[in-house]
Amino acid sequence: MIIDPLELFIVIITGILGSSTIAYYFSRFPGLTLIFI
């Protein structure tokens, strides 16, 4: 799976902002969220 640095950056930023956004990105990008966690 090719990881887009921009998408990963967005996941990290939103992850810092709140756990609700983590759940949102988990529904959209399960792979990226697993890597983030």
C-alpha atoms as a PDB file:
ATOM      1  CA  MET A   1       0.000   0.000   0.000  1.00  0.00           C
ATOM      2  CA  ILE A   2       1.384   3.359  -1.051  1.00  0.00           C
ATOM      3  CA  ILE A   3       1.134   5.928   1.726  1.00  0.00           C
ATOM      4  CA  ASP A   4       0.473   9.542   0.783  1.00  0.00           C
ATOM      5  CA  PRO A   5       2.578  11.774   3.089  1.00  0.00           C
ATOM      6  CA  LEU A   6      -0.087  14.466   2.908  1.00  0.00           C
ATOM      7  CA  GLU A   7      -2.843  12.109   4.025  1.00  0.00           C
ATOM      8  CA  LEU A   8      -0.645  10.783   6.818  1.00  0.00           C
ATOM      9  CA  PHE A   9       0.124  14.364   7.896  1.00  0.00           C
ATOM     10  CA  ILE A  10      -3.608  15.158   7.987  1.00  0.00           C
ATOM     11  CA  VAL A  11      -4.287  12.061  10.096  1.00  0.00           C
ATOM     12  CA  ILE A  12      -1.590  13.085  12.590  1.00  0.00           C
ATOM     13  CA  ILE A  13      -2.859  16.666  12.851  1.00  0.00           C
ATOM     14  CA  THR A  14      -6.470  15.635  13.285  1.00  0.00           C
ATOM     15  CA  GLY A  15      -5.378  12.980  15.738  1.00  0.00           C
ATOM     16  CA  ILE A  16      -3.852  15.707  17.884  1.00  0.00           C
ATOM     17  CA  LEU A  17      -7.015  17.803  17.595  1.00  0.00           C
ATOM     18  CA  GLY A  18      -9.330  15.085  18.861  1.00  0.00           C
ATOM     19  CA  SER A  19     -10.095  11.391  19.105  1.00  0.00           C
ATOM     20  CA  SER A  20     -13.355  11.888  17.196  1.00  0.00           C
ATOM     21  CA  THR A  21     -11.365  12.722  14.072  1.00  0.00           C
ATOM     22  CA  ILE A  22      -9.303   9.574  14.585  1.00  0.00           C
ATOM     23  CA  ALA A  23     -12.513   7.555  14.401  1.00  0.00           C
ATOM     24  CA  TYR A  24     -13.462   9.505  11.272  1.00  0.00           C
ATOM     25  CA  TYR A  25     -10.194   8.734   9.504  1.00  0.00           C
ATOM     26  CA  PHE A  26     -10.308   5.165  10.746  1.00  0.00           C
ATOM     27  CA  SER A  27     -13.527   4.742   8.787  1.00  0.00           C
ATOM     28  CA  ARG A  28     -11.907   6.282   5.708  1.00  0.00           C
ATOM     29  CA  PHE A  29      -8.298   5.086   5.947  1.00  0.00           C
ATOM     30  CA  PRO A  30      -8.088   2.006   8.220  1.00  0.00           C
ATOM     31  CA  GLY A  31      -4.540   1.266   7.089  1.00  0.00           C
ATOM     32  CA  LEU A  32      -3.216   4.749   7.797  1.00  0.00           C
ATOM     33  CA  THR A  33      -4.962   4.862  11.171  1.00  0.00           C
ATOM     34  CA  LEU A  34      -3.417   1.536  12.196  1.00  0.00           C
ATOM     35  CA  ILE A  35       0.006   2.889  11.272  1.00  0.00           C
ATOM     36  CA  PHE A  36      -0.743   6.099  13.176  1.00  0.00           C
ATOM     37  CA  ILE A  37      -1.728   4.191  16.304  1.00  0.00           C
END
